[in-house]
Amino acid sequence: MTKVWIVYYSLYGHIKTMAEAVKKGVESVEGVEATIYQVAETLPEEVLGKMHAPPKSDYPIIDPTTLPEADGFVFGFPTRFGMMAAQMKSFFDATGGLWQKGSLHGKPAAMFTSTATQGGGQETTLMTAVTQLAHHGMIYVPSGYAAGGIMFDVKDARGGSPWGPGTLAAPDGSRQPSEVELTQCEVAGKQLATVAKKLKA
């Protein structure tokens, strides 16, 4: 089996919901299995309480040193001022040993994100995150316009770009991922799984 790991950080649950949609897309490809992990939280409980953050999900916390066991990845994280959240950056910062050994070289990876507003970094968050993949020699698999017509629809507000799926969470986090945005996630998961399976073969 080709192993695809979906590794995410989520504060209010939007990214977790998207990760589960990505998993559906990954598992739609025969011979590919998906596992969801979350990265460790870096904020203290007191701060999370003041932010009214819900409890974390039951998905296991990933150990960065285990990444070489997977054949491909989909990384998900919210934006912080147009760049990846610090929790995900901390996770990547812990992969220096893998970088030195070239342990992730040639492995494919896709990404998805969330922002509070339409101009809040749907593209810049993923564009700047590509540097993490480049230093590891990983193969970036962008979504392009594989989701078809929904990518051209401008009637309703939606996240997502050719760089990867996205959702609009609203400044107070009240908006949940729409069906259109979750469809983008499934398509991206299927794309990444297809590439990972071909590369492993």
N, C-alpha and C. Protein backbone atom coordinates (compact mmCIF):
# COMPACT_ATOMS: atom_id res chain seq x y z
N MET A 1 0.83 -1.20 0.00
CA MET A 1 0.00 0.00 0.00
C MET A 1 0.87 1.26 0.00
N THR A 2 0.41 2.25 -0.73
CA THR A 2 1.05 3.55 -0.69
C THR A 2 0.49 4.32 0.50
N LYS A 3 1.38 4.88 1.32
CA LYS A 3 0.95 5.57 2.53
C LYS A 3 1.00 7.08 2.36
N VAL A 4 -0.16 7.72 2.55
CA VAL A 4 -0.23 9.18 2.52
C VAL A 4 -0.63 9.66 3.90
N TRP A 5 0.17 10.56 4.44
CA TRP A 5 -0.12 11.12 5.76
C TRP A 5 -0.65 12.54 5.60
N ILE A 6 -1.75 12.81 6.28
CA ILE A 6 -2.33 14.15 6.30
C ILE A 6 -1.96 14.75 7.65
N VAL A 7 -1.15 15.77 7.62
CA VAL A 7 -0.59 16.36 8.83
C VAL A 7 -1.12 17.79 8.95
N TYR A 8 -1.81 18.08 10.06
CA TYR A 8 -2.46 19.39 10.14
C TYR A 8 -2.30 20.03 11.51
N TYR A 9 -2.53 21.35 11.53
CA TYR A 9 -2.72 22.10 12.77
C TYR A 9 -4.04 22.84 12.64
N SER A 10 -4.86 22.75 13.67
CA SER A 10 -6.16 23.43 13.65
C SER A 10 -6.44 24.02 15.02
N LEU A 11 -6.81 25.29 15.06
CA LEU A 11 -7.15 25.93 16.33
C LEU A 11 -8.64 25.83 16.61
N TYR A 12 -9.46 26.15 15.61
CA TYR A 12 -10.92 26.16 15.81
C TYR A 12 -11.65 25.03 15.09
N GLY A 13 -10.93 24.18 14.38
CA GLY A 13 -11.55 23.01 13.78
C GLY A 13 -11.75 23.05 12.28
N HIS A 14 -11.55 24.20 11.66
CA HIS A 14 -11.74 24.31 10.22
C HIS A 14 -10.78 23.41 9.45
N ILE A 15 -9.51 23.45 9.83
CA ILE A 15 -8.50 22.66 9.14
C ILE A 15 -8.71 21.17 9.39
N LYS A 16 -9.16 20.82 10.59
CA LYS A 16 -9.45 19.41 10.88
C LYS A 16 -10.55 18.88 9.95
N THR A 17 -11.60 19.67 9.78
CA THR A 17 -12.69 19.27 8.89
C THR A 17 -12.19 19.09 7.46
N MET A 18 -11.32 19.99 7.03
CA MET A 18 -10.75 19.89 5.69
C MET A 18 -9.85 18.67 5.56
N ALA A 19 -9.10 18.36 6.62
CA ALA A 19 -8.22 17.19 6.60
C ALA A 19 -9.03 15.92 6.39
N GLU A 20 -10.19 15.85 6.99
CA GLU A 20 -11.04 14.68 6.84
C GLU A 20 -11.59 14.56 5.42
N ALA A 21 -11.83 15.71 4.77
CA ALA A 21 -12.26 15.69 3.36
C ALA A 21 -11.10 15.26 2.46
N VAL A 22 -9.89 15.72 2.77
CA VAL A 22 -8.71 15.30 2.02
C VAL A 22 -8.56 13.79 2.11
N LYS A 23 -8.78 13.24 3.29
CA LYS A 23 -8.65 11.80 3.51
C LYS A 23 -9.59 11.02 2.59
N LYS A 24 -10.81 11.52 2.40
CA LYS A 24 -11.75 10.87 1.49
C LYS A 24 -11.19 10.82 0.08
N GLY A 25 -10.59 11.93 -0.34
CA GLY A 25 -10.00 11.98 -1.67
C GLY A 25 -8.83 11.04 -1.82
N VAL A 26 -7.97 10.98 -0.82
CA VAL A 26 -6.81 10.09 -0.86
C VAL A 26 -7.27 8.64 -0.97
N GLU A 27 -8.25 8.27 -0.17
CA GLU A 27 -8.69 6.88 -0.12
C GLU A 27 -9.57 6.49 -1.31
N SER A 28 -9.90 7.45 -2.16
CA SER A 28 -10.64 7.11 -3.38
C SER A 28 -9.73 6.48 -4.43
N VAL A 29 -8.42 6.55 -4.20
CA VAL A 29 -7.44 5.97 -5.12
C VAL A 29 -7.09 4.57 -4.62
N GLU A 30 -7.32 3.60 -5.44
CA GLU A 30 -7.07 2.20 -5.05
C GLU A 30 -5.60 1.99 -4.71
N GLY A 31 -5.36 1.28 -3.62
CA GLY A 31 -4.00 0.97 -3.23
C GLY A 31 -3.32 2.04 -2.41
N VAL A 32 -4.09 3.05 -1.99
CA VAL A 32 -3.51 4.13 -1.18
C VAL A 32 -4.28 4.23 0.13
N GLU A 33 -3.55 4.29 1.23
CA GLU A 33 -4.19 4.46 2.54
C GLU A 33 -3.79 5.81 3.14
N ALA A 34 -4.71 6.41 3.87
CA ALA A 34 -4.48 7.73 4.45
C ALA A 34 -4.53 7.66 5.97
N THR A 35 -3.64 8.40 6.61
CA THR A 35 -3.63 8.52 8.07
C THR A 35 -3.56 10.00 8.42
N ILE A 36 -4.40 10.40 9.37
CA ILE A 36 -4.43 11.80 9.80
C ILE A 36 -3.65 11.96 11.11
N TYR A 37 -2.78 12.96 11.13
CA TYR A 37 -2.03 13.33 12.33
C TYR A 37 -2.20 14.83 12.56
N GLN A 38 -2.06 15.24 13.80
CA GLN A 38 -2.01 16.67 14.09
C GLN A 38 -0.66 17.01 14.71
N VAL A 39 -0.23 18.25 14.53
CA VAL A 39 1.04 18.67 15.12
C VAL A 39 0.78 19.17 16.54
N ALA A 40 1.81 19.20 17.32
CA ALA A 40 1.69 19.58 18.72
C ALA A 40 1.30 21.04 18.88
N GLU A 41 0.46 21.30 19.86
CA GLU A 41 0.08 22.67 20.19
C GLU A 41 1.22 23.33 20.96
N THR A 42 1.45 24.61 20.69
CA THR A 42 2.51 25.33 21.39
C THR A 42 1.95 26.38 22.34
N LEU A 43 0.66 26.65 22.27
CA LEU A 43 0.05 27.63 23.17
C LEU A 43 -0.35 26.96 24.48
N PRO A 44 -0.17 27.64 25.60
CA PRO A 44 -0.59 27.06 26.89
C PRO A 44 -2.11 27.01 27.00
N GLU A 45 -2.60 26.12 27.84
CA GLU A 45 -4.04 25.93 28.02
C GLU A 45 -4.73 27.23 28.42
N GLU A 46 -4.07 28.03 29.23
CA GLU A 46 -4.66 29.29 29.69
C GLU A 46 -4.96 30.20 28.51
N VAL A 47 -4.03 30.28 27.58
CA VAL A 47 -4.20 31.12 26.40
C VAL A 47 -5.30 30.55 25.50
N LEU A 48 -5.29 29.23 25.31
CA LEU A 48 -6.32 28.60 24.48
C LEU A 48 -7.71 28.86 25.06
N GLY A 49 -7.81 28.85 26.38
CA GLY A 49 -9.08 29.12 27.03
C GLY A 49 -9.56 30.53 26.76
N LYS A 50 -8.65 31.48 26.83
CA LYS A 50 -9.01 32.88 26.57
C LYS A 50 -9.40 33.10 25.12
N MET A 51 -8.89 32.24 24.23
CA MET A 51 -9.22 32.34 22.80
C MET A 51 -10.49 31.55 22.47
N HIS A 52 -11.06 30.91 23.48
CA HIS A 52 -12.28 30.10 23.30
C HIS A 52 -12.07 28.98 22.28
N ALA A 53 -10.87 28.42 22.29
CA ALA A 53 -10.56 27.32 21.37
C ALA A 53 -11.21 26.03 21.88
N PRO A 54 -11.83 25.26 21.01
CA PRO A 54 -12.43 23.99 21.43
C PRO A 54 -11.35 22.96 21.76
N PRO A 55 -11.71 21.88 22.44
CA PRO A 55 -10.73 20.83 22.75
C PRO A 55 -10.13 20.24 21.47
N LYS A 56 -8.93 19.76 21.56
CA LYS A 56 -8.27 19.14 20.41
C LYS A 56 -8.95 17.80 20.07
N SER A 57 -8.80 17.40 18.84
CA SER A 57 -9.37 16.13 18.39
C SER A 57 -8.54 14.96 18.92
N ASP A 58 -9.00 13.76 18.64
CA ASP A 58 -8.30 12.56 19.12
C ASP A 58 -7.23 12.07 18.15
N TYR A 59 -7.03 12.77 17.05
CA TYR A 59 -5.99 12.33 16.12
C TYR A 59 -4.63 12.38 16.81
N PRO A 60 -3.78 11.39 16.56
CA PRO A 60 -2.48 11.35 17.25
C PRO A 60 -1.57 12.52 16.87
N ILE A 61 -0.74 12.91 17.84
CA ILE A 61 0.27 13.95 17.61
C ILE A 61 1.42 13.31 16.85
N ILE A 62 1.82 13.93 15.77
CA ILE A 62 2.87 13.33 14.94
C ILE A 62 4.26 13.57 15.52
N ASP A 63 5.08 12.57 15.40
CA ASP A 63 6.50 12.66 15.74
C ASP A 63 7.23 12.98 14.43
N PRO A 64 7.84 14.16 14.32
CA PRO A 64 8.49 14.56 13.06
C PRO A 64 9.49 13.53 12.53
N THR A 65 10.13 12.78 13.42
CA THR A 65 11.16 11.83 12.98
C THR A 65 10.57 10.64 12.23
N THR A 66 9.23 10.46 12.29
CA THR A 66 8.61 9.32 11.61
C THR A 66 8.20 9.64 10.18
N LEU A 67 8.36 10.86 9.74
CA LEU A 67 7.92 11.26 8.40
C LEU A 67 8.44 10.37 7.27
N PRO A 68 9.68 9.87 7.32
CA PRO A 68 10.17 9.03 6.22
C PRO A 68 9.35 7.77 5.99
N GLU A 69 8.53 7.37 6.95
CA GLU A 69 7.72 6.16 6.79
C GLU A 69 6.60 6.33 5.76
N ALA A 70 6.24 7.57 5.47
CA ALA A 70 5.15 7.83 4.53
C ALA A 70 5.69 8.03 3.11
N ASP A 71 4.79 7.80 2.13
CA ASP A 71 5.17 7.97 0.72
C ASP A 71 4.77 9.33 0.17
N GLY A 72 3.88 10.02 0.87
CA GLY A 72 3.42 11.33 0.43
C GLY A 72 2.68 12.02 1.55
N PHE A 73 2.50 13.34 1.41
CA PHE A 73 1.91 14.14 2.48
C PHE A 73 0.94 15.18 1.95
N VAL A 74 -0.02 15.51 2.81
CA VAL A 74 -0.85 16.70 2.60
C VAL A 74 -0.80 17.46 3.92
N PHE A 75 -0.25 18.66 3.88
CA PHE A 75 -0.10 19.48 5.08
C PHE A 75 -1.18 20.55 5.11
N GLY A 76 -1.85 20.70 6.25
CA GLY A 76 -2.89 21.71 6.39
C GLY A 76 -2.65 22.59 7.60
N PHE A 77 -2.85 23.90 7.44
CA PHE A 77 -2.60 24.84 8.52
C PHE A 77 -3.29 26.17 8.22
N PRO A 78 -3.72 26.88 9.26
CA PRO A 78 -4.31 28.20 9.05
C PRO A 78 -3.24 29.24 8.81
N THR A 79 -3.66 30.39 8.34
CA THR A 79 -2.71 31.48 8.11
C THR A 79 -2.59 32.36 9.34
N ARG A 80 -1.44 32.95 9.48
CA ARG A 80 -1.20 34.00 10.46
C ARG A 80 -0.52 35.14 9.72
N PHE A 81 -1.30 36.15 9.38
CA PHE A 81 -0.79 37.30 8.64
C PHE A 81 -0.12 36.89 7.33
N GLY A 82 -0.79 35.99 6.60
CA GLY A 82 -0.32 35.61 5.27
C GLY A 82 0.74 34.54 5.23
N MET A 83 1.03 33.92 6.37
CA MET A 83 2.02 32.85 6.41
C MET A 83 1.50 31.72 7.30
N MET A 84 2.18 30.58 7.31
CA MET A 84 1.71 29.44 8.10
C MET A 84 1.73 29.75 9.59
N ALA A 85 0.81 29.14 10.31
CA ALA A 85 0.75 29.31 11.76
C ALA A 85 2.03 28.82 12.42
N ALA A 86 2.39 29.42 13.55
CA ALA A 86 3.64 29.12 14.23
C ALA A 86 3.74 27.65 14.64
N GLN A 87 2.60 27.04 14.95
CA GLN A 87 2.63 25.64 15.38
C GLN A 87 3.14 24.74 14.26
N MET A 88 2.70 25.01 13.03
CA MET A 88 3.17 24.21 11.90
C MET A 88 4.63 24.54 11.58
N LYS A 89 5.00 25.81 11.71
CA LYS A 89 6.40 26.19 11.49
C LYS A 89 7.30 25.50 12.51
N SER A 90 6.84 25.41 13.75
CA SER A 90 7.60 24.72 14.79
C SER A 90 7.79 23.25 14.43
N PHE A 91 6.75 22.66 13.86
CA PHE A 91 6.84 21.26 13.42
C PHE A 91 7.92 21.10 12.34
N PHE A 92 7.88 21.97 11.34
CA PHE A 92 8.88 21.87 10.28
C PHE A 92 10.29 22.17 10.82
N ASP A 93 10.37 23.08 11.79
CA ASP A 93 11.67 23.39 12.38
C ASP A 93 12.29 22.17 13.06
N ALA A 94 11.45 21.22 13.44
CA ALA A 94 11.93 20.02 14.13
C ALA A 94 12.39 18.93 13.16
N THR A 95 12.40 19.22 11.86
CA THR A 95 12.77 18.21 10.87
C THR A 95 14.19 18.41 10.33
N GLY A 96 14.99 19.17 11.06
CA GLY A 96 16.36 19.44 10.60
C GLY A 96 17.19 18.19 10.39
N GLY A 97 17.02 17.22 11.26
CA GLY A 97 17.77 15.98 11.11
C GLY A 97 17.41 15.24 9.83
N LEU A 98 16.14 15.27 9.47
CA LEU A 98 15.70 14.63 8.23
C LEU A 98 16.26 15.38 7.03
N TRP A 99 16.32 16.71 7.14
CA TRP A 99 16.86 17.53 6.06
C TRP A 99 18.33 17.19 5.81
N GLN A 100 19.09 17.04 6.89
CA GLN A 100 20.52 16.74 6.75
C GLN A 100 20.75 15.40 6.06
N LYS A 101 19.86 14.46 6.31
CA LYS A 101 20.01 13.13 5.72
C LYS A 101 19.31 13.00 4.36
N GLY A 102 18.54 14.01 3.97
CA GLY A 102 17.78 13.91 2.72
C GLY A 102 16.67 12.89 2.79
N SER A 103 16.14 12.67 3.98
CA SER A 103 15.16 11.60 4.21
C SER A 103 13.83 11.80 3.48
N LEU A 104 13.50 13.06 3.16
CA LEU A 104 12.21 13.33 2.52
C LEU A 104 12.36 13.69 1.05
N HIS A 105 13.57 13.60 0.55
CA HIS A 105 13.83 13.99 -0.84
C HIS A 105 13.01 13.15 -1.81
N GLY A 106 12.32 13.82 -2.72
CA GLY A 106 11.55 13.13 -3.75
C GLY A 106 10.14 12.74 -3.35
N LYS A 107 9.77 12.98 -2.10
CA LYS A 107 8.41 12.64 -1.67
C LYS A 107 7.45 13.77 -2.04
N PRO A 108 6.26 13.43 -2.56
CA PRO A 108 5.30 14.46 -2.97
C PRO A 108 4.51 15.01 -1.80
N ALA A 109 4.14 16.29 -1.90
CA ALA A 109 3.36 16.92 -0.84
C ALA A 109 2.45 17.98 -1.42
N ALA A 110 1.25 18.07 -0.87
CA ALA A 110 0.29 19.12 -1.20
C ALA A 110 -0.05 19.85 0.09
N MET A 111 -0.74 20.99 -0.03
CA MET A 111 -1.05 21.78 1.16
C MET A 111 -2.43 22.43 1.02
N PHE A 112 -3.02 22.75 2.18
CA PHE A 112 -4.27 23.50 2.20
C PHE A 112 -4.28 24.43 3.40
N THR A 113 -5.17 25.43 3.39
CA THR A 113 -5.12 26.46 4.42
C THR A 113 -6.50 27.04 4.71
N SER A 114 -6.53 27.95 5.66
CA SER A 114 -7.74 28.72 5.96
C SER A 114 -7.34 30.14 6.30
N THR A 115 -8.21 31.08 5.98
CA THR A 115 -7.99 32.48 6.33
C THR A 115 -9.29 33.06 6.85
N ALA A 116 -9.19 34.18 7.54
CA ALA A 116 -10.38 34.84 8.06
C ALA A 116 -11.16 35.54 6.96
N THR A 117 -10.43 36.08 5.98
CA THR A 117 -11.07 36.87 4.92
C THR A 117 -10.57 36.44 3.56
N GLN A 118 -11.23 36.93 2.52
CA GLN A 118 -10.84 36.56 1.16
C GLN A 118 -9.46 37.08 0.79
N GLY A 119 -9.09 38.22 1.33
CA GLY A 119 -7.77 38.77 1.03
C GLY A 119 -6.76 38.48 2.12
N GLY A 120 -7.02 37.45 2.93
CA GLY A 120 -6.20 37.20 4.10
C GLY A 120 -5.02 36.28 3.91
N GLY A 121 -4.71 35.88 2.67
CA GLY A 121 -3.51 35.07 2.46
C GLY A 121 -3.76 33.69 1.91
N GLN A 122 -4.87 33.48 1.18
CA GLN A 122 -5.15 32.17 0.61
C GLN A 122 -3.99 31.67 -0.25
N GLU A 123 -3.36 32.58 -0.99
CA GLU A 123 -2.25 32.17 -1.85
C GLU A 123 -0.89 32.36 -1.18
N THR A 124 -0.69 33.50 -0.51
CA THR A 124 0.63 33.75 0.06
C THR A 124 1.01 32.74 1.14
N THR A 125 0.01 32.26 1.88
CA THR A 125 0.31 31.29 2.94
C THR A 125 0.92 30.02 2.36
N LEU A 126 0.35 29.55 1.25
CA LEU A 126 0.88 28.33 0.63
C LEU A 126 2.14 28.61 -0.17
N MET A 127 2.20 29.76 -0.83
CA MET A 127 3.40 30.11 -1.59
C MET A 127 4.63 30.16 -0.68
N THR A 128 4.48 30.79 0.47
CA THR A 128 5.63 30.91 1.36
C THR A 128 5.95 29.59 2.05
N ALA A 129 4.95 28.73 2.18
CA ALA A 129 5.18 27.42 2.80
C ALA A 129 5.94 26.47 1.88
N VAL A 130 5.93 26.75 0.60
CA VAL A 130 6.64 25.89 -0.35
C VAL A 130 8.14 25.85 -0.03
N THR A 131 8.65 26.89 0.63
CA THR A 131 10.07 26.89 0.98
C THR A 131 10.43 25.69 1.87
N GLN A 132 9.49 25.28 2.73
CA GLN A 132 9.75 24.12 3.59
C GLN A 132 9.96 22.87 2.74
N LEU A 133 9.12 22.71 1.73
CA LEU A 133 9.22 21.55 0.85
C LEU A 133 10.50 21.61 0.02
N ALA A 134 10.82 22.79 -0.47
CA ALA A 134 12.00 22.94 -1.33
C ALA A 134 13.28 22.55 -0.60
N HIS A 135 13.41 22.94 0.64
CA HIS A 135 14.63 22.62 1.40
C HIS A 135 14.75 21.12 1.66
N HIS A 136 13.64 20.43 1.69
CA HIS A 136 13.66 18.98 1.87
C HIS A 136 13.75 18.24 0.53
N GLY A 137 13.68 18.98 -0.58
CA GLY A 137 13.72 18.33 -1.88
C GLY A 137 12.43 17.59 -2.20
N MET A 138 11.35 18.00 -1.58
CA MET A 138 10.06 17.35 -1.80
C MET A 138 9.41 17.89 -3.08
N ILE A 139 8.49 17.13 -3.62
CA ILE A 139 7.82 17.51 -4.86
C ILE A 139 6.48 18.14 -4.52
N TYR A 140 6.33 19.40 -4.83
CA TYR A 140 5.09 20.12 -4.53
C TYR A 140 4.03 19.77 -5.57
N VAL A 141 2.87 19.38 -5.11
CA VAL A 141 1.76 19.01 -5.98
C VAL A 141 0.63 20.02 -5.78
N PRO A 142 0.61 21.10 -6.56
CA PRO A 142 -0.45 22.10 -6.41
C PRO A 142 -1.78 21.59 -6.96
N SER A 143 -2.84 22.21 -6.56
CA SER A 143 -4.17 21.78 -7.01
C SER A 143 -4.48 22.18 -8.44
N GLY A 144 -3.89 23.30 -8.88
CA GLY A 144 -4.25 23.80 -10.20
C GLY A 144 -5.75 24.06 -10.27
N TYR A 145 -6.34 23.73 -11.39
CA TYR A 145 -7.78 23.90 -11.55
C TYR A 145 -8.47 22.55 -11.74
N ALA A 146 -7.92 21.53 -11.07
CA ALA A 146 -8.45 20.18 -11.20
C ALA A 146 -9.87 20.04 -10.68
N ALA A 147 -10.29 20.95 -9.79
CA ALA A 147 -11.65 20.88 -9.26
C ALA A 147 -12.68 21.38 -10.27
N GLY A 148 -12.21 21.84 -11.42
CA GLY A 148 -13.12 22.18 -12.51
C GLY A 148 -13.90 23.46 -12.31
N GLY A 149 -15.18 23.40 -12.69
CA GLY A 149 -16.03 24.58 -12.73
C GLY A 149 -16.12 25.35 -11.43
N ILE A 150 -16.03 24.66 -10.29
CA ILE A 150 -16.17 25.38 -9.02
C ILE A 150 -15.05 26.38 -8.82
N MET A 151 -13.92 26.17 -9.48
CA MET A 151 -12.81 27.10 -9.35
C MET A 151 -13.06 28.39 -10.13
N PHE A 152 -13.99 28.34 -11.07
CA PHE A 152 -14.28 29.52 -11.89
C PHE A 152 -15.52 30.26 -11.42
N ASP A 153 -16.23 29.69 -10.46
CA ASP A 153 -17.46 30.28 -9.97
C ASP A 153 -17.14 31.45 -9.04
N VAL A 154 -17.68 32.62 -9.36
CA VAL A 154 -17.42 33.79 -8.53
C VAL A 154 -18.70 34.34 -7.90
N LYS A 155 -19.76 33.56 -7.95
CA LYS A 155 -21.03 34.03 -7.39
C LYS A 155 -21.01 34.04 -5.86
N ASP A 156 -20.35 33.05 -5.27
CA ASP A 156 -20.32 32.93 -3.82
C ASP A 156 -18.89 33.02 -3.29
N ALA A 157 -18.77 33.51 -2.09
CA ALA A 157 -17.45 33.59 -1.45
C ALA A 157 -16.92 32.18 -1.21
N ARG A 158 -15.66 31.97 -1.52
CA ARG A 158 -15.04 30.67 -1.28
C ARG A 158 -13.54 30.85 -1.16
N GLY A 159 -12.92 29.90 -0.48
CA GLY A 159 -11.48 29.87 -0.39
C GLY A 159 -10.92 28.98 -1.48
N GLY A 160 -9.62 28.79 -1.46
CA GLY A 160 -8.97 27.92 -2.43
C GLY A 160 -8.36 28.68 -3.57
N SER A 161 -7.30 28.11 -4.14
CA SER A 161 -6.58 28.71 -5.26
C SER A 161 -5.83 27.59 -5.97
N PRO A 162 -5.18 27.90 -7.10
CA PRO A 162 -4.37 26.87 -7.76
C PRO A 162 -3.27 26.30 -6.85
N TRP A 163 -2.92 27.04 -5.81
CA TRP A 163 -1.87 26.59 -4.90
C TRP A 163 -2.35 25.49 -3.97
N GLY A 164 -3.66 25.45 -3.71
CA GLY A 164 -4.21 24.42 -2.83
C GLY A 164 -5.56 24.84 -2.28
N PRO A 165 -6.31 23.90 -1.73
CA PRO A 165 -7.62 24.20 -1.17
C PRO A 165 -7.53 25.20 -0.02
N GLY A 166 -8.63 25.91 0.20
CA GLY A 166 -8.68 26.86 1.30
C GLY A 166 -10.12 27.08 1.73
N THR A 167 -10.29 27.58 2.92
CA THR A 167 -11.62 27.96 3.39
C THR A 167 -11.55 29.34 4.01
N LEU A 168 -12.69 30.01 4.03
CA LEU A 168 -12.84 31.30 4.68
C LEU A 168 -13.51 31.06 6.02
N ALA A 169 -12.82 31.38 7.10
CA ALA A 169 -13.34 31.08 8.43
C ALA A 169 -14.10 32.23 9.06
N ALA A 170 -13.99 33.44 8.49
CA ALA A 170 -14.56 34.68 9.05
C ALA A 170 -13.70 35.12 10.24
N PRO A 171 -13.65 36.42 10.50
CA PRO A 171 -12.78 36.91 11.57
C PRO A 171 -13.05 36.29 12.95
N ASP A 172 -14.30 35.88 13.20
CA ASP A 172 -14.61 35.28 14.49
C ASP A 172 -14.64 33.75 14.43
N GLY A 173 -14.26 33.18 13.29
CA GLY A 173 -14.22 31.73 13.13
C GLY A 173 -15.58 31.07 12.99
N SER A 174 -16.61 31.87 12.74
CA SER A 174 -17.97 31.33 12.73
C SER A 174 -18.35 30.60 11.45
N ARG A 175 -17.66 30.89 10.36
CA ARG A 175 -18.00 30.25 9.09
C ARG A 175 -17.27 28.92 8.97
N GLN A 176 -17.97 27.86 8.64
CA GLN A 176 -17.38 26.54 8.47
C GLN A 176 -17.12 26.26 6.99
N PRO A 177 -16.22 25.33 6.66
CA PRO A 177 -15.94 25.03 5.25
C PRO A 177 -17.21 24.65 4.50
N SER A 178 -17.37 25.22 3.32
CA SER A 178 -18.54 24.94 2.48
C SER A 178 -18.34 23.64 1.72
N GLU A 179 -19.41 23.17 1.11
CA GLU A 179 -19.32 21.95 0.31
C GLU A 179 -18.35 22.13 -0.85
N VAL A 180 -18.34 23.32 -1.43
CA VAL A 180 -17.42 23.61 -2.53
C VAL A 180 -15.97 23.51 -2.05
N GLU A 181 -15.70 24.07 -0.89
CA GLU A 181 -14.34 24.04 -0.36
C GLU A 181 -13.93 22.63 0.03
N LEU A 182 -14.85 21.85 0.56
CA LEU A 182 -14.54 20.47 0.91
C LEU A 182 -14.34 19.61 -0.34
N THR A 183 -15.06 19.94 -1.40
CA THR A 183 -14.84 19.23 -2.68
C THR A 183 -13.43 19.49 -3.18
N GLN A 184 -12.97 20.74 -3.05
CA GLN A 184 -11.58 21.04 -3.43
C GLN A 184 -10.60 20.16 -2.65
N CYS A 185 -10.89 19.96 -1.38
CA CYS A 185 -10.02 19.14 -0.54
C CYS A 185 -9.98 17.69 -1.03
N GLU A 186 -11.14 17.16 -1.38
CA GLU A 186 -11.20 15.78 -1.87
C GLU A 186 -10.42 15.64 -3.17
N VAL A 187 -10.58 16.62 -4.06
CA VAL A 187 -9.86 16.58 -5.34
C VAL A 187 -8.36 16.64 -5.10
N ALA A 188 -7.93 17.52 -4.20
CA ALA A 188 -6.49 17.64 -3.90
C ALA A 188 -5.95 16.35 -3.30
N GLY A 189 -6.73 15.72 -2.43
CA GLY A 189 -6.30 14.46 -1.84
C GLY A 189 -6.14 13.38 -2.90
N LYS A 190 -7.08 13.32 -3.82
CA LYS A 190 -7.02 12.33 -4.89
C LYS A 190 -5.80 12.58 -5.79
N GLN A 191 -5.55 13.85 -6.11
CA GLN A 191 -4.38 14.20 -6.93
C GLN A 191 -3.09 13.74 -6.28
N LEU A 192 -2.94 14.09 -5.00
CA LEU A 192 -1.70 13.76 -4.30
C LEU A 192 -1.53 12.25 -4.21
N ALA A 193 -2.61 11.54 -3.93
CA ALA A 193 -2.54 10.09 -3.81
C ALA A 193 -2.13 9.44 -5.14
N THR A 194 -2.65 9.98 -6.22
CA THR A 194 -2.32 9.46 -7.55
C THR A 194 -0.84 9.63 -7.85
N VAL A 195 -0.30 10.82 -7.53
CA VAL A 195 1.12 11.08 -7.75
C VAL A 195 1.98 10.20 -6.85
N ALA A 196 1.61 10.09 -5.58
CA ALA A 196 2.39 9.27 -4.65
C ALA A 196 2.42 7.82 -5.08
N LYS A 197 1.30 7.32 -5.56
CA LYS A 197 1.23 5.92 -6.00
C LYS A 197 2.13 5.70 -7.21
N LYS A 198 2.12 6.63 -8.15
CA LYS A 198 2.96 6.51 -9.34
C LYS A 198 4.44 6.57 -8.98
N LEU A 199 4.80 7.47 -8.09
CA LEU A 199 6.20 7.60 -7.71
C LEU A 199 6.69 6.36 -6.97
N LYS A 200 5.84 5.80 -6.13
CA LYS A 200 6.26 4.61 -5.40
C LYS A 200 6.43 3.42 -6.35
N ALA A 201 5.58 3.36 -7.37
CA ALA A 201 5.67 2.26 -8.34
C ALA A 201 6.96 2.36 -9.13
